[in-house]
Amino acid sequence: MQSTPSSVFQVCCVLTSCFSPVDESGVSLLQLIGDPPPDEITKIYGPDNSPGYVFGPDANTGQLARAHLPSPFYRDFSLLFNLKPQSTKGGVIFSVTDPSQQIMYVGVKLSPVKANRQNVIFFYTEPDSKESYVAATFPVHNLADQWNRFSISVLDDKVTFYINCDDQPQVVRFERSPDEMELEAGAGVFVGQAGGADPNKFLGVIGELRVIGDPRAAERQCEEEGDDSDAVSVP
């Protein structure tokens, strides 16, 4: 599927310089999908009575990245998630794409489940690249049909992955240039998909998605929320 920014984006402003600095809590799920969200995204309540948003095959959310994210993009940052996949097929959970939606500058994707295991895949792609680059892959148990809280921290040359308040994170080193990641005026930000950059959509419920310009926020995700009683653990 190839989408154009004009056909997908819910444009929040006309000027490309519309980014407003975010507070320390970062950019939230509702900021990225809209409040209220599109009709195709249903609001439900999870086991702790907190809201979640159901992303089905018809969910279609996309906005101009610079409406919510700084350009250049954060050098070091955290991505926080709380979600319940409802499919074993995997799919893109979050992405920042180039204007033509050919590559994911930053993205997080679940791989399909095989032998009751799958991977959380982190993309980090230099702007002049020809295809999306997998910077880190983190193996986990099958996450489908369970609530899972996980976070990713990017600091210098390290990507750190925390899941379900486990004290032992996974760490992967990756190479990247010292150049800043400039987001063009037409760059997009998506939840549950990557526009034309990847056809595989996330199918399930998202309770939290947050982008924070603080690489240490990932390890603090569970400090305020506490451990989830229905979350799965990873050995």
C-alpha atoms as a PDB file:
ATOM      1  CA  MET A   1       0.000   0.000   0.000  1.00  0.00           C
ATOM      2  CA  GLN A   2       1.352   3.397  -0.942  1.00  0.00           C
ATOM      3  CA  SER A   3      -0.203   6.389   0.751  1.00  0.00           C
ATOM      4  CA  THR A   4       0.485  10.039   0.176  1.00  0.00           C
ATOM      5  CA  PRO A   5       0.868  12.479   3.042  1.00  0.00           C
ATOM      6  CA  SER A   6      -2.082  14.511   1.824  1.00  0.00           C
ATOM      7  CA  SER A   7      -4.378  11.488   1.866  1.00  0.00           C
ATOM      8  CA  VAL A   8      -3.391  10.276   5.321  1.00  0.00           C
ATOM      9  CA  PHE A   9      -2.332  13.218   7.449  1.00  0.00           C
ATOM     10  CA  GLN A  10      -4.806  14.977   9.662  1.00  0.00           C
ATOM     11  CA  VAL A  11      -3.076  18.286   9.174  1.00  0.00           C
ATOM     12  CA  CYS A  12      -3.187  20.307  12.355  1.00  0.00           C
ATOM     13  CA  CYS A  13      -1.786  23.477  10.902  1.00  0.00           C
ATOM     14  CA  VAL A  14      -0.926  25.090   7.603  1.00  0.00           C
ATOM     15  CA  LEU A  15       2.485  26.459   8.462  1.00  0.00           C
ATOM     16  CA  THR A  16       5.317  23.962   8.663  1.00  0.00           C
ATOM     17  CA  SER A  17       6.803  25.793  11.634  1.00  0.00           C
ATOM     18  CA  CYS A  18       3.861  24.868  13.850  1.00  0.00           C
ATOM     19  CA  PHE A  19       5.770  22.751  16.374  1.00  0.00           C
ATOM     20  CA  SER A  20       5.224  23.828  19.951  1.00  0.00           C
ATOM     21  CA  PRO A  21       7.823  22.769  22.525  1.00  0.00           C
ATOM     22  CA  VAL A  22       6.497  19.885  24.621  1.00  0.00           C
ATOM     23  CA  ASP A  23       6.801  19.584  28.372  1.00  0.00           C
ATOM     24  CA  GLU A  24       8.869  17.005  30.203  1.00  0.00           C
ATOM     25  CA  SER A  25       6.107  14.416  29.898  1.00  0.00           C
ATOM     26  CA  GLY A  26       6.688  14.309  26.139  1.00  0.00           C
ATOM     27  CA  VAL A  27       4.226  13.752  23.314  1.00  0.00           C
ATOM     28  CA  SER A  28       1.287  11.506  24.198  1.00  0.00           C
ATOM     29  CA  LEU A  29      -0.850   8.995  22.335  1.00  0.00           C
ATOM     30  CA  LEU A  30      -3.866  11.314  22.162  1.00  0.00           C
ATOM     31  CA  GLN A  31      -1.752  14.126  20.759  1.00  0.00           C
ATOM     32  CA  LEU A  32      -0.641  11.812  17.967  1.00  0.00           C
ATOM     33  CA  ILE A  33      -4.036  10.291  17.112  1.00  0.00           C
ATOM     34  CA  GLY A  34      -6.285  13.209  18.032  1.00  0.00           C
ATOM     35  CA  ASP A  35      -8.711  13.828  20.889  1.00  0.00           C
ATOM     36  CA  PRO A  36     -11.260  12.624  20.119  1.00  0.00           C
ATOM     37  CA  PRO A  37      -9.580  10.066  17.861  1.00  0.00           C
ATOM     38  CA  PRO A  38     -10.894   9.123  14.402  1.00  0.00           C
ATOM     39  CA  ASP A  39     -14.099   7.082  14.269  1.00  0.00           C
ATOM     40  CA  GLU A  40     -12.134   3.996  13.197  1.00  0.00           C
ATOM     41  CA  ILE A  41     -10.319   3.938  16.558  1.00  0.00           C
ATOM     42  CA  THR A  42     -12.550   2.753  19.417  1.00  0.00           C
ATOM     43  CA  LYS A  43     -12.014   3.760  23.028  1.00  0.00           C
ATOM     44  CA  ILE A  44     -12.297   1.004  25.639  1.00  0.00           C
ATOM     45  CA  TYR A  45     -11.234   0.559  29.262  1.00  0.00           C
ATOM     46  CA  GLY A  46      -8.602  -1.882  30.439  1.00  0.00           C
ATOM     47  CA  PRO A  47      -8.506  -4.094  33.551  1.00  0.00           C
ATOM     48  CA  ASP A  48      -7.343  -1.180  35.714  1.00  0.00           C
ATOM     49  CA  ASN A  49     -10.095   1.034  34.270  1.00  0.00           C
ATOM     50  CA  SER A  50      -7.601   3.087  32.277  1.00  0.00           C
ATOM     51  CA  PRO A  51      -8.519   3.955  28.684  1.00  0.00           C
ATOM     52  CA  GLY A  52      -7.182   2.084  25.698  1.00  0.00           C
ATOM     53  CA  TYR A  53      -7.671   2.617  21.982  1.00  0.00           C
ATOM     54  CA  VAL A  54      -8.420  -0.226  19.580  1.00  0.00           C
ATOM     55  CA  PHE A  55      -6.492  -0.194  16.294  1.00  0.00           C
ATOM     56  CA  GLY A  56      -8.110  -2.395  13.673  1.00  0.00           C
ATOM     57  CA  PRO A  57      -7.300  -2.877   9.989  1.00  0.00           C
ATOM     58  CA  ASP A  58      -9.208   0.285   9.043  1.00  0.00           C
ATOM     59  CA  ALA A  59      -7.475   2.579  11.542  1.00  0.00           C
ATOM     60  CA  ASN A  60      -5.677   5.333   9.664  1.00  0.00           C
ATOM     61  CA  THR A  61      -3.817   7.952  11.676  1.00  0.00           C
ATOM     62  CA  GLY A  62      -1.090  10.207  10.386  1.00  0.00           C
ATOM     63  CA  GLN A  63       0.015  13.747  11.072  1.00  0.00           C
ATOM     64  CA  LEU A  64       2.834  16.039  10.096  1.00  0.00           C
ATOM     65  CA  ALA A  65       5.753  15.099  12.326  1.00  0.00           C
ATOM     66  CA  ARG A  66       6.828  18.683  12.895  1.00  0.00           C
ATOM     67  CA  ALA A  67       3.417  19.484  14.374  1.00  0.00           C
ATOM     68  CA  HIS A  68       4.410  17.441  17.441  1.00  0.00           C
ATOM     69  CA  LEU A  69       8.107  16.593  17.276  1.00  0.00           C
ATOM     70  CA  PRO A  70      11.177  18.827  17.188  1.00  0.00           C
ATOM     71  CA  SER A  71      13.397  19.175  14.134  1.00  0.00           C
ATOM     72  CA  PRO A  72      16.096  18.104  14.420  1.00  0.00           C
ATOM     73  CA  PHE A  73      14.601  15.094  16.200  1.00  0.00           C
ATOM     74  CA  TYR A  74      15.808  14.224  19.686  1.00  0.00           C
ATOM     75  CA  ARG A  75      19.332  12.827  19.611  1.00  0.00           C
ATOM     76  CA  ASP A  76      18.690  10.824  22.783  1.00  0.00           C
ATOM     77  CA  PHE A  77      15.156   9.886  23.778  1.00  0.00           C
ATOM     78  CA  SER A  78      12.709   7.346  25.191  1.00  0.00           C
ATOM     79  CA  LEU A  79       9.683   5.627  23.683  1.00  0.00           C
ATOM     80  CA  LEU A  80       7.111   4.319  26.176  1.00  0.00           C
ATOM     81  CA  PHE A  81       4.354   1.821  25.380  1.00  0.00           C
ATOM     82  CA  ASN A  82       1.546  -0.041  27.109  1.00  0.00           C
ATOM     83  CA  LEU A  83      -0.367  -2.227  24.680  1.00  0.00           C
ATOM     84  CA  LYS A  84      -2.239  -5.449  24.036  1.00  0.00           C
ATOM     85  CA  PRO A  85      -1.667  -6.986  20.594  1.00  0.00           C
ATOM     86  CA  GLN A  86      -4.706  -8.872  19.303  1.00  0.00           C
ATOM     87  CA  SER A  87      -2.923 -10.577  16.434  1.00  0.00           C
ATOM     88  CA  THR A  88       0.110 -12.824  16.068  1.00  0.00           C
ATOM     89  CA  LYS A  89       0.992 -11.151  12.761  1.00  0.00           C
ATOM     90  CA  GLY A  90       2.936  -8.288  14.354  1.00  0.00           C
ATOM     91  CA  GLY A  91       2.927  -4.844  12.781  1.00  0.00           C
ATOM     92  CA  VAL A  92       4.223  -1.300  13.136  1.00  0.00           C
ATOM     93  CA  ILE A  93       3.307   0.350  16.441  1.00  0.00           C
ATOM     94  CA  PHE A  94       4.882   3.769  15.917  1.00  0.00           C
ATOM     95  CA  SER A  95       6.821   5.469  13.150  1.00  0.00           C
ATOM     96  CA  VAL A  96       8.286   8.728  11.945  1.00  0.00           C
ATOM     97  CA  THR A  97       8.664   8.650   8.156  1.00  0.00           C
ATOM     98  CA  ASP A  98      10.203  10.701   5.396  1.00  0.00           C
ATOM     99  CA  PRO A  99       7.815  12.864   3.314  1.00  0.00           C
ATOM    100  CA  SER A 100       7.431  10.200   0.605  1.00  0.00           C
ATOM    101  CA  GLN A 101       6.780   7.470   3.200  1.00  0.00           C
ATOM    102  CA  GLN A 102       9.551   5.299   1.807  1.00  0.00           C
ATOM    103  CA  ILE A 103      11.559   4.899   5.017  1.00  0.00           C
ATOM    104  CA  MET A 104      11.058   5.021   8.770  1.00  0.00           C
ATOM    105  CA  TYR A 105      13.425   7.476  10.408  1.00  0.00           C
ATOM    106  CA  VAL A 106      12.335   6.112  13.780  1.00  0.00           C
ATOM    107  CA  GLY A 107      10.015   3.160  14.213  1.00  0.00           C
ATOM    108  CA  VAL A 108       8.950   0.312  16.482  1.00  0.00           C
ATOM    109  CA  LYS A 109       7.473  -2.873  15.060  1.00  0.00           C
ATOM    110  CA  LEU A 110       6.433  -6.302  16.310  1.00  0.00           C
ATOM    111  CA  SER A 111       7.527  -9.260  14.209  1.00  0.00           C
ATOM    112  CA  PRO A 112       5.101 -12.137  13.530  1.00  0.00           C
ATOM    113  CA  VAL A 113       4.944 -14.769  16.268  1.00  0.00           C
ATOM    114  CA  LYS A 114       6.932 -17.938  15.567  1.00  0.00           C
ATOM    115  CA  ALA A 115       7.260 -20.821  18.036  1.00  0.00           C
ATOM    116  CA  ASN A 116       5.532 -18.671  20.655  1.00  0.00           C
ATOM    117  CA  ARG A 117       8.174 -15.960  20.376  1.00  0.00           C
ATOM    118  CA  GLN A 118       8.520 -12.699  18.492  1.00  0.00           C
ATOM    119  CA  ASN A 119      10.767  -9.650  18.271  1.00  0.00           C
ATOM    120  CA  VAL A 120      10.368  -6.010  19.119  1.00  0.00           C
ATOM    121  CA  ILE A 121      12.175  -4.262  16.265  1.00  0.00           C
ATOM    122  CA  PHE A 122      13.581  -0.743  16.563  1.00  0.00           C
ATOM    123  CA  PHE A 123      14.280   1.249  13.398  1.00  0.00           C
ATOM    124  CA  TYR A 124      16.654   4.209  13.277  1.00  0.00           C
ATOM    125  CA  THR A 125      17.435   5.407   9.773  1.00  0.00           C
ATOM    126  CA  GLU A 126      19.711   8.196   8.605  1.00  0.00           C
ATOM    127  CA  PRO A 127      17.825  10.708   6.410  1.00  0.00           C
ATOM    128  CA  ASP A 128      19.885   9.998   3.272  1.00  0.00           C
ATOM    129  CA  SER A 129      19.285   6.221   3.416  1.00  0.00           C
ATOM    130  CA  LYS A 130      17.467   4.271   0.715  1.00  0.00           C
ATOM    131  CA  GLU A 131      15.623   1.894   3.045  1.00  0.00           C
ATOM    132  CA  SER A 132      14.603   1.602   6.684  1.00  0.00           C
ATOM    133  CA  TYR A 133      17.432   0.390   8.931  1.00  0.00           C
ATOM    134  CA  VAL A 134      16.922  -2.064  11.791  1.00  0.00           C
ATOM    135  CA  ALA A 135      19.072  -0.689  14.601  1.00  0.00           C
ATOM    136  CA  ALA A 136      18.101  -3.251  17.240  1.00  0.00           C
ATOM    137  CA  THR A 137      16.007  -6.393  17.642  1.00  0.00           C
ATOM    138  CA  PHE A 138      14.783  -7.587  21.032  1.00  0.00           C
ATOM    139  CA  PRO A 139      13.417 -11.144  21.436  1.00  0.00           C
ATOM    140  CA  VAL A 140      10.358 -11.561  23.676  1.00  0.00           C
ATOM    141  CA  HIS A 141       7.670 -14.133  24.359  1.00  0.00           C
ATOM    142  CA  ASN A 142       4.454 -14.006  22.353  1.00  0.00           C
ATOM    143  CA  LEU A 143       2.866 -10.711  23.436  1.00  0.00           C
ATOM    144  CA  ALA A 144      -0.547 -11.317  21.856  1.00  0.00           C
ATOM    145  CA  ASP A 145      -3.714 -11.063  23.949  1.00  0.00           C
ATOM    146  CA  GLN A 146      -1.883  -9.761  27.021  1.00  0.00           C
ATOM    147  CA  TRP A 147      -1.155  -6.271  28.287  1.00  0.00           C
ATOM    148  CA  ASN A 148       2.541  -5.470  27.961  1.00  0.00           C
ATOM    149  CA  ARG A 149       4.376  -2.430  29.212  1.00  0.00           C
ATOM    150  CA  PHE A 150       7.710  -1.790  27.527  1.00  0.00           C
ATOM    151  CA  SER A 151      10.028   1.074  26.730  1.00  0.00           C
ATOM    152  CA  ILE A 152      13.032   1.846  24.564  1.00  0.00           C
ATOM    153  CA  SER A 153      15.853   4.215  25.447  1.00  0.00           C
ATOM    154  CA  VAL A 154      18.300   5.640  22.913  1.00  0.00           C
ATOM    155  CA  LEU A 155      21.430   7.149  24.432  1.00  0.00           C
ATOM    156  CA  ASP A 156      24.601   7.714  22.428  1.00  0.00           C
ATOM    157  CA  ASP A 157      25.338   4.387  20.685  1.00  0.00           C
ATOM    158  CA  LYS A 158      23.090   2.216  22.871  1.00  0.00           C
ATOM    159  CA  VAL A 159      19.478   1.105  22.552  1.00  0.00           C
ATOM    160  CA  THR A 160      18.076  -0.258  25.819  1.00  0.00           C
ATOM    161  CA  PHE A 161      14.842  -2.242  26.025  1.00  0.00           C
ATOM    162  CA  TYR A 162      12.766  -2.651  29.184  1.00  0.00           C
ATOM    163  CA  ILE A 163       9.669  -4.862  29.336  1.00  0.00           C
ATOM    164  CA  ASN A 164       7.046  -5.392  32.018  1.00  0.00           C
ATOM    165  CA  CYS A 165       9.123  -3.759  34.738  1.00  0.00           C
ATOM    166  CA  ASP A 166      11.881  -6.359  34.444  1.00  0.00           C
ATOM    167  CA  ASP A 167      15.053  -5.319  36.259  1.00  0.00           C
ATOM    168  CA  GLN A 168      17.275  -6.796  33.537  1.00  0.00           C
ATOM    169  CA  PRO A 169      17.000  -4.738  30.344  1.00  0.00           C
ATOM    170  CA  GLN A 170      18.340  -5.822  26.961  1.00  0.00           C
ATOM    171  CA  VAL A 171      21.032  -3.558  25.495  1.00  0.00           C
ATOM    172  CA  VAL A 172      22.162  -3.356  21.867  1.00  0.00           C
ATOM    173  CA  ARG A 173      24.850  -1.086  20.450  1.00  0.00           C
ATOM    174  CA  PHE A 174      24.379   0.522  17.054  1.00  0.00           C
ATOM    175  CA  GLU A 175      26.221   2.915  14.785  1.00  0.00           C
ATOM    176  CA  ARG A 176      24.878   6.292  13.737  1.00  0.00           C
ATOM    177  CA  SER A 177      26.398   9.414  12.301  1.00  0.00           C
ATOM    178  CA  PRO A 178      26.954  12.524  14.434  1.00  0.00           C
ATOM    179  CA  ASP A 179      24.669  14.469  12.087  1.00  0.00           C
ATOM    180  CA  GLU A 180      21.355  15.720  13.390  1.00  0.00           C
ATOM    181  CA  MET A 181      18.155  14.067  12.151  1.00  0.00           C
ATOM    182  CA  GLU A 182      16.330  16.889  10.420  1.00  0.00           C
ATOM    183  CA  LEU A 183      12.626  16.277   9.842  1.00  0.00           C
ATOM    184  CA  GLU A 184      11.476  17.738   6.543  1.00  0.00           C
ATOM    185  CA  ALA A 185       8.290  19.770   6.363  1.00  0.00           C
ATOM    186  CA  GLY A 186       6.376  16.796   4.942  1.00  0.00           C
ATOM    187  CA  ALA A 187       7.733  14.127   7.308  1.00  0.00           C
ATOM    188  CA  GLY A 188       4.983  12.084   8.956  1.00  0.00           C
ATOM    189  CA  VAL A 189       4.290  10.555  12.355  1.00  0.00           C
ATOM    190  CA  PHE A 190       2.030   7.502  12.578  1.00  0.00           C
ATOM    191  CA  VAL A 191       0.533   5.313  15.294  1.00  0.00           C
ATOM    192  CA  GLY A 192      -0.284   1.697  14.495  1.00  0.00           C
ATOM    193  CA  GLN A 193       1.263   1.884  11.034  1.00  0.00           C
ATOM    194  CA  ALA A 194       3.947   3.520   8.894  1.00  0.00           C
ATOM    195  CA  GLY A 195       1.944   4.880   5.983  1.00  0.00           C
ATOM    196  CA  GLY A 196       3.541   3.656   2.779  1.00  0.00           C
ATOM    197  CA  ALA A 197       6.854   2.790   4.473  1.00  0.00           C
ATOM    198  CA  ASP A 198       5.557  -0.570   5.750  1.00  0.00           C
ATOM    199  CA  PRO A 199       2.259  -2.312   4.913  1.00  0.00           C
ATOM    200  CA  ASN A 200       1.985  -4.171   8.224  1.00  0.00           C
ATOM    201  CA  LYS A 201      -0.347  -2.457  10.672  1.00  0.00           C
ATOM    202  CA  PHE A 202      -0.506  -3.080  14.413  1.00  0.00           C
ATOM    203  CA  LEU A 203      -3.785  -4.742  15.394  1.00  0.00           C
ATOM    204  CA  GLY A 204      -4.706  -4.402  19.041  1.00  0.00           C
ATOM    205  CA  VAL A 205      -5.191  -1.986  21.901  1.00  0.00           C
ATOM    206  CA  ILE A 206      -2.794   0.814  22.845  1.00  0.00           C
ATOM    207  CA  GLY A 207      -3.157   2.294  26.316  1.00  0.00           C
ATOM    208  CA  GLU A 208      -0.014   4.401  26.331  1.00  0.00           C
ATOM    209  CA  LEU A 209       2.431   5.675  23.751  1.00  0.00           C
ATOM    210  CA  ARG A 210       4.765   8.489  24.653  1.00  0.00           C
ATOM    211  CA  VAL A 211       7.782  10.097  22.983  1.00  0.00           C
ATOM    212  CA  ILE A 212      10.080  11.832  25.467  1.00  0.00           C
ATOM    213  CA  GLY A 213      13.322  13.687  24.840  1.00  0.00           C
ATOM    214  CA  ASP A 214      14.900  12.076  27.899  1.00  0.00           C
ATOM    215  CA  PRO A 215      16.708   8.740  27.482  1.00  0.00           C
ATOM    216  CA  ARG A 216      16.305   7.976  31.196  1.00  0.00           C
ATOM    217  CA  ALA A 217      12.515   8.121  31.105  1.00  0.00           C
ATOM    218  CA  ALA A 218      12.395   4.538  29.791  1.00  0.00           C
ATOM    219  CA  GLU A 219      13.814   3.016  32.958  1.00  0.00           C
ATOM    220  CA  ARG A 220      11.464   5.102  35.100  1.00  0.00           C
ATOM    221  CA  GLN A 221       8.306   3.932  33.318  1.00  0.00           C
ATOM    222  CA  CYS A 222       7.277   1.570  36.103  1.00  0.00           C
ATOM    223  CA  GLU A 223       8.105   3.844  39.030  1.00  0.00           C
ATOM    224  CA  GLU A 224       4.787   5.665  38.944  1.00  0.00           C
ATOM    225  CA  GLU A 225       2.591   2.991  37.381  1.00  0.00           C
ATOM    226  CA  GLY A 226       3.840  -0.007  39.357  1.00  0.00           C
ATOM    227  CA  ASP A 227       4.031  -3.555  38.059  1.00  0.00           C
ATOM    228  CA  ASP A 228       1.089  -4.818  35.992  1.00  0.00           C
ATOM    229  CA  SER A 229      -0.517  -7.906  37.492  1.00  0.00           C
ATOM    230  CA  ASP A 230      -1.587  -9.238  34.095  1.00  0.00           C
ATOM    231  CA  ALA A 231       1.664  -8.557  32.262  1.00  0.00           C
ATOM    232  CA  VAL A 232       3.850 -11.338  30.970  1.00  0.00           C
ATOM    233  CA  SER A 233       7.469 -11.702  32.004  1.00  0.00           C
ATOM    234  CA  VAL A 234      10.499 -12.364  29.882  1.00  0.00           C
ATOM    235  CA  PRO A 235      13.291 -14.617  31.081  1.00  0.00           C
END
